[in-house]
Amino acid sequence: MSTGAGKRQPVPAGQVVRRAFSMQKADADLIETLRLRYASLGLLMNQSEVVRVGLNALARMADTDLETSASNLERLATAGRAKPTK
């Protein structure tokens, strides 16, 4: 019999802000891999929730660990939005 211990209940959110950003395909694949790992633990997570978990983990890091993780990240070339073809 299941106790429902792994179920998360939604809480009323404050103001929600929508953001759009680019990432490498490998990073998008990593989010999906993490979603599957969470699912194997009985936690169904959407992409936004996986990113938010990562942000919370980063916020708890010591400055030296935070600096190390940033220095290991590959920078993406900045590119403007694609112009629609006519």
Protein backbone atom coordinates (compact mmCIF):
# COMPACT_ATOMS: atom_id res chain seq x y z
CA MET A 1 0.00 0.00 0.00
CA SER A 2 1.40 3.39 -0.96
CA THR A 3 1.64 6.13 1.62
CA GLY A 4 2.00 8.92 -0.92
CA ALA A 5 5.24 10.07 0.70
CA GLY A 6 6.79 10.87 -2.68
CA LYS A 7 3.91 13.04 -3.89
CA ARG A 8 4.48 16.76 -4.05
CA GLN A 9 1.59 19.10 -3.49
CA PRO A 10 1.53 22.36 -5.43
CA VAL A 11 1.82 25.46 -3.29
CA PRO A 12 0.43 28.84 -4.26
CA ALA A 13 3.24 30.61 -6.07
CA GLY A 14 4.04 34.25 -5.83
CA GLN A 15 4.50 36.16 -9.03
CA VAL A 16 5.63 33.84 -11.83
CA VAL A 17 8.04 35.20 -14.43
CA ARG A 18 8.51 33.57 -17.82
CA ARG A 19 12.07 33.55 -19.18
CA ALA A 20 13.48 32.30 -22.47
CA PHE A 21 17.10 31.28 -22.86
CA SER A 22 19.29 29.13 -25.08
CA MET A 23 21.26 26.06 -24.15
CA GLN A 24 23.28 23.42 -25.88
CA LYS A 25 21.51 20.22 -26.88
CA ALA A 26 23.67 18.31 -24.39
CA ASP A 27 22.28 20.51 -21.58
CA ALA A 28 18.70 19.95 -22.75
CA ASP A 29 19.42 16.21 -22.85
CA LEU A 30 20.82 16.43 -19.31
CA ILE A 31 17.57 17.99 -18.08
CA GLU A 32 15.67 15.07 -19.62
CA THR A 33 18.07 12.56 -18.03
CA LEU A 34 17.51 14.20 -14.65
CA ARG A 35 13.74 14.11 -15.17
CA LEU A 36 14.01 10.35 -15.77
CA ARG A 37 16.14 9.92 -12.65
CA TYR A 38 13.55 11.81 -10.61
CA ALA A 39 10.81 9.62 -12.15
CA SER A 40 12.70 6.48 -11.07
CA LEU A 41 12.54 7.92 -7.54
CA GLY A 42 8.80 8.40 -7.87
CA LEU A 43 8.98 12.16 -8.44
CA LEU A 44 7.48 13.51 -11.65
CA MET A 45 9.30 16.74 -12.46
CA ASN A 46 8.87 19.09 -15.39
CA GLN A 47 11.82 20.86 -17.01
CA SER A 48 11.25 24.07 -15.09
CA GLU A 49 11.28 22.21 -11.78
CA VAL A 50 14.56 20.47 -12.64
CA VAL A 51 16.14 23.85 -13.44
CA ARG A 52 14.76 25.31 -10.19
CA VAL A 53 16.25 22.41 -8.18
CA GLY A 54 19.61 23.17 -9.81
CA LEU A 55 19.33 26.87 -8.98
CA ASN A 56 18.58 26.05 -5.35
CA ALA A 57 21.60 23.71 -5.21
CA LEU A 58 23.82 26.45 -6.70
CA ALA A 59 22.53 28.99 -4.19
CA ARG A 60 23.62 26.71 -1.31
CA MET A 61 27.17 26.21 -2.69
CA ALA A 62 30.22 27.76 -1.11
CA ASP A 63 31.78 30.55 -3.17
CA THR A 64 34.79 28.43 -4.15
CA ASP A 65 32.56 25.60 -5.41
CA LEU A 66 30.36 28.10 -7.23
CA GLU A 67 33.42 29.62 -8.91
CA THR A 68 34.72 26.19 -9.91
CA SER A 69 31.41 25.16 -11.46
CA ALA A 70 31.25 28.41 -13.45
CA SER A 71 34.82 28.06 -14.70
CA ASN A 72 34.04 24.53 -15.98
CA LEU A 73 31.04 25.70 -18.00
CA GLU A 74 31.47 26.16 -21.73
CA ARG A 75 30.35 29.63 -22.82
CA LEU A 76 27.83 29.85 -25.64
CA ALA A 77 28.32 32.25 -28.51
CA THR A 78 25.73 34.99 -28.26
CA ALA A 79 23.48 35.16 -31.24
CA GLY A 80 20.45 37.28 -31.90
CA ARG A 81 17.09 35.78 -32.59
CA ALA A 82 16.63 34.25 -35.98
CA LYS A 83 14.96 36.61 -38.39
CA PRO A 84 11.80 35.27 -40.01
CA THR A 85 12.18 34.41 -43.68
CA LYS A 86 9.91 36.24 -46.08
